[in-house]
Amino acid sequence: MAKKIDRIAQMLNCPEKGEELRRAITESRKEFLLAKQAEEPEEEDHLDEDDFDDDYDEFDWTTP
């Protein structure tokens, strides 16, 4: 397995094709993340003041 990783590292550091490969990987990663974002529904993460219990103390073991 290490030999395969070394070959990939050599390809990415190649003076002729390395920049092209790195750019292609970056672009495909961007496209993947954009597609993944489009698939997932947006979750709203709103907290109301009612969601907090003023009496709760996470370090006080006597609080229910």
PDB file of N, CA and C in Angstrom:
ATOM      1  N   MET A   1       0.825  -1.194   0.000  1.00  0.00           N
ATOM      2  CA  MET A   1       0.000   0.000   0.000  1.00  0.00           C
ATOM      3  C   MET A   1       0.869   1.258   0.000  1.00  0.00           C
ATOM      4  N   ALA A   2       1.959   1.242   0.726  1.00  0.00           N
ATOM      5  CA  ALA A   2       2.835   2.405   0.791  1.00  0.00           C
ATOM      6  C   ALA A   2       3.396   2.748  -0.587  1.00  0.00           C
ATOM      7  N   LYS A   3       3.655   1.746  -1.392  1.00  0.00           N
ATOM      8  CA  LYS A   3       4.208   1.989  -2.722  1.00  0.00           C
ATOM      9  C   LYS A   3       3.220   2.774  -3.575  1.00  0.00           C
ATOM     10  N   LYS A   4       1.930   2.457  -3.472  1.00  0.00           N
ATOM     11  CA  LYS A   4       0.907   3.152  -4.238  1.00  0.00           C
ATOM     12  C   LYS A   4       0.817   4.611  -3.789  1.00  0.00           C
ATOM     13  N   ILE A   5       0.863   4.862  -2.509  1.00  0.00           N
ATOM     14  CA  ILE A   5       0.817   6.223  -1.993  1.00  0.00           C
ATOM     15  C   ILE A   5       2.028   7.005  -2.477  1.00  0.00           C
ATOM     16  N   ASP A   6       3.197   6.402  -2.474  1.00  0.00           N
ATOM     17  CA  ASP A   6       4.407   7.058  -2.953  1.00  0.00           C
ATOM     18  C   ASP A   6       4.286   7.440  -4.427  1.00  0.00           C
ATOM     19  N   ARG A   7       3.667   6.583  -5.218  1.00  0.00           N
ATOM     20  CA  ARG A   7       3.487   6.878  -6.645  1.00  0.00           C
ATOM     21  C   ARG A   7       2.541   8.063  -6.817  1.00  0.00           C
ATOM     22  N   ILE A   8       1.504   8.124  -6.021  1.00  0.00           N
ATOM     23  CA  ILE A   8       0.584   9.255  -6.093  1.00  0.00           C
ATOM     24  C   ILE A   8       1.303  10.535  -5.693  1.00  0.00           C
ATOM     25  N   ALA A   9       2.091  10.484  -4.644  1.00  0.00           N
ATOM     26  CA  ALA A   9       2.854  11.652  -4.209  1.00  0.00           C
ATOM     27  C   ALA A   9       3.824  12.094  -5.298  1.00  0.00           C
ATOM     28  N   GLN A  10       4.461  11.148  -5.956  1.00  0.00           N
ATOM     29  CA  GLN A  10       5.379  11.484  -7.039  1.00  0.00           C
ATOM     30  C   GLN A  10       4.640  12.162  -8.190  1.00  0.00           C
ATOM     31  N   MET A  11       3.457  11.649  -8.512  1.00  0.00           N
ATOM     32  CA  MET A  11       2.674  12.237  -9.593  1.00  0.00           C
ATOM     33  C   MET A  11       2.266  13.670  -9.249  1.00  0.00           C
ATOM     34  N   LEU A  12       1.849  13.895  -8.008  1.00  0.00           N
ATOM     35  CA  LEU A  12       1.414  15.237  -7.611  1.00  0.00           C
ATOM     36  C   LEU A  12       2.574  16.225  -7.572  1.00  0.00           C
ATOM     37  N   ASN A  13       3.774  15.746  -7.339  1.00  0.00           N
ATOM     38  CA  ASN A  13       4.950  16.611  -7.280  1.00  0.00           C
ATOM     39  C   ASN A  13       5.692  16.699  -8.616  1.00  0.00           C
ATOM     40  N   CYS A  14       5.150  16.068  -9.626  1.00  0.00           N
ATOM     41  CA  CYS A  14       5.781  16.085 -10.946  1.00  0.00           C
ATOM     42  C   CYS A  14       5.805  17.518 -11.489  1.00  0.00           C
ATOM     43  N   PRO A  15       6.978  17.978 -11.989  1.00  0.00           N
ATOM     44  CA  PRO A  15       7.054  19.354 -12.482  1.00  0.00           C
ATOM     45  C   PRO A  15       6.219  19.598 -13.739  1.00  0.00           C
ATOM     46  N   GLU A  16       5.939  18.541 -14.504  1.00  0.00           N
ATOM     47  CA  GLU A  16       5.182  18.726 -15.747  1.00  0.00           C
ATOM     48  C   GLU A  16       3.672  18.609 -15.538  1.00  0.00           C
ATOM     49  N   LYS A  17       3.235  17.566 -14.859  1.00  0.00           N
ATOM     50  CA  LYS A  17       1.803  17.302 -14.732  1.00  0.00           C
ATOM     51  C   LYS A  17       1.265  17.526 -13.323  1.00  0.00           C
ATOM     52  N   GLY A  18       2.119  17.789 -12.362  1.00  0.00           N
ATOM     53  CA  GLY A  18       1.694  17.908 -10.970  1.00  0.00           C
ATOM     54  C   GLY A  18       0.674  18.999 -10.735  1.00  0.00           C
ATOM     55  N   GLU A  19       0.933  20.184 -11.276  1.00  0.00           N
ATOM     56  CA  GLU A  19       0.014  21.305 -11.105  1.00  0.00           C
ATOM     57  C   GLU A  19      -1.352  20.988 -11.715  1.00  0.00           C
ATOM     58  N   GLU A  20      -1.334  20.376 -12.874  1.00  0.00           N
ATOM     59  CA  GLU A  20      -2.577  20.008 -13.555  1.00  0.00           C
ATOM     60  C   GLU A  20      -3.373  18.990 -12.728  1.00  0.00           C
ATOM     61  N   LEU A  21      -2.679  18.016 -12.163  1.00  0.00           N
ATOM     62  CA  LEU A  21      -3.344  17.006 -11.339  1.00  0.00           C
ATOM     63  C   LEU A  21      -3.915  17.620 -10.064  1.00  0.00           C
ATOM     64  N   ARG A  22      -3.137  18.484  -9.416  1.00  0.00           N
ATOM     65  CA  ARG A  22      -3.623  19.120  -8.189  1.00  0.00           C
ATOM     66  C   ARG A  22      -4.860  19.983  -8.468  1.00  0.00           C
ATOM     67  N   ARG A  23      -4.830  20.708  -9.576  1.00  0.00           N
ATOM     68  CA  ARG A  23      -5.965  21.551  -9.948  1.00  0.00           C
ATOM     69  C   ARG A  23      -7.198  20.698 -10.248  1.00  0.00           C
ATOM     70  N   ALA A  24      -7.008  19.589 -10.947  1.00  0.00           N
ATOM     71  CA  ALA A  24      -8.121  18.701 -11.274  1.00  0.00           C
ATOM     72  C   ALA A  24      -8.734  18.108 -10.003  1.00  0.00           C
ATOM     73  N   ILE A  25      -7.890  17.730  -9.063  1.00  0.00           N
ATOM     74  CA  ILE A  25      -8.388  17.180  -7.793  1.00  0.00           C
ATOM     75  C   ILE A  25      -9.179  18.236  -7.035  1.00  0.00           C
ATOM     76  N   THR A  26      -8.661  19.463  -6.988  1.00  0.00           N
ATOM     77  CA  THR A  26      -9.346  20.549  -6.290  1.00  0.00           C
ATOM     78  C   THR A  26     -10.703  20.832  -6.922  1.00  0.00           C
ATOM     79  N   GLU A  27     -10.749  20.905  -8.241  1.00  0.00           N
ATOM     80  CA  GLU A  27     -12.006  21.180  -8.943  1.00  0.00           C
ATOM     81  C   GLU A  27     -13.027  20.064  -8.723  1.00  0.00           C
ATOM     82  N   SER A  28     -12.584  18.816  -8.801  1.00  0.00           N
ATOM     83  CA  SER A  28     -13.524  17.710  -8.610  1.00  0.00           C
ATOM     84  C   SER A  28     -14.033  17.679  -7.175  1.00  0.00           C
ATOM     85  N   ARG A  29     -13.186  18.044  -6.227  1.00  0.00           N
ATOM     86  CA  ARG A  29     -13.605  18.105  -4.822  1.00  0.00           C
ATOM     87  C   ARG A  29     -14.659  19.196  -4.630  1.00  0.00           C
ATOM     88  N   LYS A  30     -14.449  20.362  -5.270  1.00  0.00           N
ATOM     89  CA  LYS A  30     -15.428  21.445  -5.173  1.00  0.00           C
ATOM     90  C   LYS A  30     -16.775  20.999  -5.743  1.00  0.00           C
ATOM     91  N   GLU A  31     -16.736  20.364  -6.916  1.00  0.00           N
ATOM     92  CA  GLU A  31     -17.967  19.888  -7.548  1.00  0.00           C
ATOM     93  C   GLU A  31     -18.662  18.859  -6.669  1.00  0.00           C
ATOM     94  N   PHE A  32     -17.894  17.967  -6.060  1.00  0.00           N
ATOM     95  CA  PHE A  32     -18.462  16.956  -5.176  1.00  0.00           C
ATOM     96  C   PHE A  32     -19.150  17.605  -3.980  1.00  0.00           C
ATOM     97  N   LEU A  33     -18.489  18.580  -3.352  1.00  0.00           N
ATOM     98  CA  LEU A  33     -19.064  19.234  -2.186  1.00  0.00           C
ATOM     99  C   LEU A  33     -20.308  20.033  -2.550  1.00  0.00           C
ATOM    100  N   LEU A  34     -20.310  20.691  -3.697  1.00  0.00           N
ATOM    101  CA  LEU A  34     -21.489  21.436  -4.129  1.00  0.00           C
ATOM    102  C   LEU A  34     -22.661  20.504  -4.404  1.00  0.00           C
ATOM    103  N   ALA A  35     -22.389  19.365  -5.031  1.00  0.00           N
ATOM    104  CA  ALA A  35     -23.445  18.393  -5.307  1.00  0.00           C
ATOM    105  C   ALA A  35     -23.986  17.808  -4.014  1.00  0.00           C
ATOM    106  N   LYS A  36     -23.100  17.534  -3.074  1.00  0.00           N
ATOM    107  CA  LYS A  36     -23.516  16.983  -1.794  1.00  0.00           C
ATOM    108  C   LYS A  36     -24.376  17.996  -1.029  1.00  0.00           C
ATOM    109  N   GLN A  37     -23.991  19.273  -1.088  1.00  0.00           N
ATOM    110  CA  GLN A  37     -24.751  20.325  -0.427  1.00  0.00           C
ATOM    111  C   GLN A  37     -26.139  20.450  -1.034  1.00  0.00           C
ATOM    112  N   ALA A  38     -26.243  20.315  -2.344  1.00  0.00           N
ATOM    113  CA  ALA A  38     -27.527  20.424  -3.026  1.00  0.00           C
ATOM    114  C   ALA A  38     -28.451  19.267  -2.645  1.00  0.00           C
ATOM    115  N   GLU A  39     -27.901  18.092  -2.380  1.00  0.00           N
ATOM    116  CA  GLU A  39     -28.701  16.926  -2.014  1.00  0.00           C
ATOM    117  C   GLU A  39     -29.266  17.036  -0.605  1.00  0.00           C
ATOM    118  N   GLU A  40     -28.464  17.556   0.316  1.00  0.00           N
ATOM    119  CA  GLU A  40     -28.868  17.601   1.715  1.00  0.00           C
ATOM    120  C   GLU A  40     -29.778  18.794   1.975  1.00  0.00           C
ATOM    121  N   PRO A  41     -30.905  18.546   2.647  1.00  0.00           N
ATOM    122  CA  PRO A  41     -31.769  19.676   2.997  1.00  0.00           C
ATOM    123  C   PRO A  41     -31.106  20.531   4.078  1.00  0.00           C
ATOM    124  N   GLU A  42     -31.336  21.815   3.989  1.00  0.00           N
ATOM    125  CA  GLU A  42     -30.763  22.732   4.970  1.00  0.00           C
ATOM    126  C   GLU A  42     -31.441  22.513   6.317  1.00  0.00           C
ATOM    127  N   GLU A  43     -30.653  22.336   7.346  1.00  0.00           N
ATOM    128  CA  GLU A  43     -31.194  22.216   8.695  1.00  0.00           C
ATOM    129  C   GLU A  43     -31.065  23.556   9.380  1.00  0.00           C
ATOM    130  N   GLU A  44     -32.190  24.033   9.876  1.00  0.00           N
ATOM    131  CA  GLU A  44     -32.157  25.303  10.578  1.00  0.00           C
ATOM    132  C   GLU A  44     -31.778  25.044  12.023  1.00  0.00           C
ATOM    133  N   ASP A  45     -30.835  25.800  12.490  1.00  0.00           N
ATOM    134  CA  ASP A  45     -30.321  25.603  13.839  1.00  0.00           C
ATOM    135  C   ASP A  45     -30.585  26.866  14.653  1.00  0.00           C
ATOM    136  N   HIS A  46     -31.859  27.051  14.970  1.00  0.00           N
ATOM    137  CA  HIS A  46     -32.247  28.233  15.726  1.00  0.00           C
ATOM    138  C   HIS A  46     -32.478  27.850  17.174  1.00  0.00           C
ATOM    139  N   LEU A  47     -31.961  28.628  18.070  1.00  0.00           N
ATOM    140  CA  LEU A  47     -32.179  28.408  19.489  1.00  0.00           C
ATOM    141  C   LEU A  47     -32.973  29.579  20.051  1.00  0.00           C
ATOM    142  N   ASP A  48     -34.007  29.261  20.778  1.00  0.00           N
ATOM    143  CA  ASP A  48     -34.796  30.287  21.444  1.00  0.00           C
ATOM    144  C   ASP A  48     -34.302  30.446  22.860  1.00  0.00           C
ATOM    145  N   GLU A  49     -34.616  31.568  23.457  1.00  0.00           N
ATOM    146  CA  GLU A  49     -34.229  31.766  24.851  1.00  0.00           C
ATOM    147  C   GLU A  49     -34.937  30.775  25.763  1.00  0.00           C
ATOM    148  N   ASP A  50     -36.083  30.264  25.316  1.00  0.00           N
ATOM    149  CA  ASP A  50     -36.822  29.280  26.118  1.00  0.00           C
ATOM    150  C   ASP A  50     -36.111  27.940  26.178  1.00  0.00           C
ATOM    151  N   ASP A  51     -35.172  27.693  25.269  1.00  0.00           N
ATOM    152  CA  ASP A  51     -34.456  26.419  25.227  1.00  0.00           C
ATOM    153  C   ASP A  51     -33.417  26.292  26.332  1.00  0.00           C
ATOM    154  N   PHE A  52     -33.113  27.384  27.004  1.00  0.00           N
ATOM    155  CA  PHE A  52     -32.081  27.365  28.026  1.00  0.00           C
ATOM    156  C   PHE A  52     -32.713  27.373  29.415  1.00  0.00           C
ATOM    157  N   ASP A  53     -32.199  26.538  30.286  1.00  0.00           N
ATOM    158  CA  ASP A  53     -32.659  26.478  31.664  1.00  0.00           C
ATOM    159  C   ASP A  53     -31.639  27.221  32.519  1.00  0.00           C
ATOM    160  N   ASP A  54     -32.055  28.351  33.066  1.00  0.00           N
ATOM    161  CA  ASP A  54     -31.138  29.176  33.856  1.00  0.00           C
ATOM    162  C   ASP A  54     -30.685  28.490  35.139  1.00  0.00           C
ATOM    163  N   ASP A  55     -31.483  27.546  35.638  1.00  0.00           N
ATOM    164  CA  ASP A  55     -31.141  26.876  36.889  1.00  0.00           C
ATOM    165  C   ASP A  55     -30.173  25.716  36.682  1.00  0.00           C
ATOM    166  N   TYR A  56     -29.988  25.280  35.453  1.00  0.00           N
ATOM    167  CA  TYR A  56     -29.131  24.128  35.187  1.00  0.00           C
ATOM    168  C   TYR A  56     -27.656  24.520  35.236  1.00  0.00           C
ATOM    169  N   ASP A  57     -26.905  23.713  35.966  1.00  0.00           N
ATOM    170  CA  ASP A  57     -25.460  23.911  36.037  1.00  0.00           C
ATOM    171  C   ASP A  57     -24.821  22.565  35.728  1.00  0.00           C
ATOM    172  N   GLU A  58     -24.106  22.467  34.612  1.00  0.00           N
ATOM    173  CA  GLU A  58     -23.561  21.182  34.197  1.00  0.00           C
ATOM    174  C   GLU A  58     -22.514  20.633  35.155  1.00  0.00           C
ATOM    175  N   PHE A  59     -21.960  21.493  36.007  1.00  0.00           N
ATOM    176  CA  PHE A  59     -20.939  21.037  36.948  1.00  0.00           C
ATOM    177  C   PHE A  59     -21.510  20.749  38.336  1.00  0.00           C
ATOM    178  N   ASP A  60     -22.789  21.036  38.508  1.00  0.00           N
ATOM    179  CA  ASP A  60     -23.438  20.782  39.789  1.00  0.00           C
ATOM    180  C   ASP A  60     -24.210  19.473  39.676  1.00  0.00           C
ATOM    181  N   TRP A  61     -23.753  18.462  40.370  1.00  0.00           N
ATOM    182  CA  TRP A  61     -24.365  17.134  40.265  1.00  0.00           C
ATOM    183  C   TRP A  61     -25.684  17.039  41.030  1.00  0.00           C
ATOM    184  N   THR A  62     -25.998  18.023  41.822  1.00  0.00           N
ATOM    185  CA  THR A  62     -27.242  17.978  42.578  1.00  0.00           C
ATOM    186  C   THR A  62     -28.404  18.540  41.781  1.00  0.00           C
ATOM    187  N   THR A  63     -28.131  19.236  40.678  1.00  0.00           N
ATOM    188  CA  THR A  63     -29.190  19.797  39.847  1.00  0.00           C
ATOM    189  C   THR A  63     -29.769  18.704  38.961  1.00  0.00           C
ATOM    190  N   PRO A  64     -31.104  18.584  38.924  1.00  0.00           N
ATOM    191  CA  PRO A  64     -31.715  17.520  38.086  1.00  0.00           C
ATOM    192  C   PRO A  64     -31.566  17.788  36.626  1.00  0.00           C
TER     193      PRO A  64
END
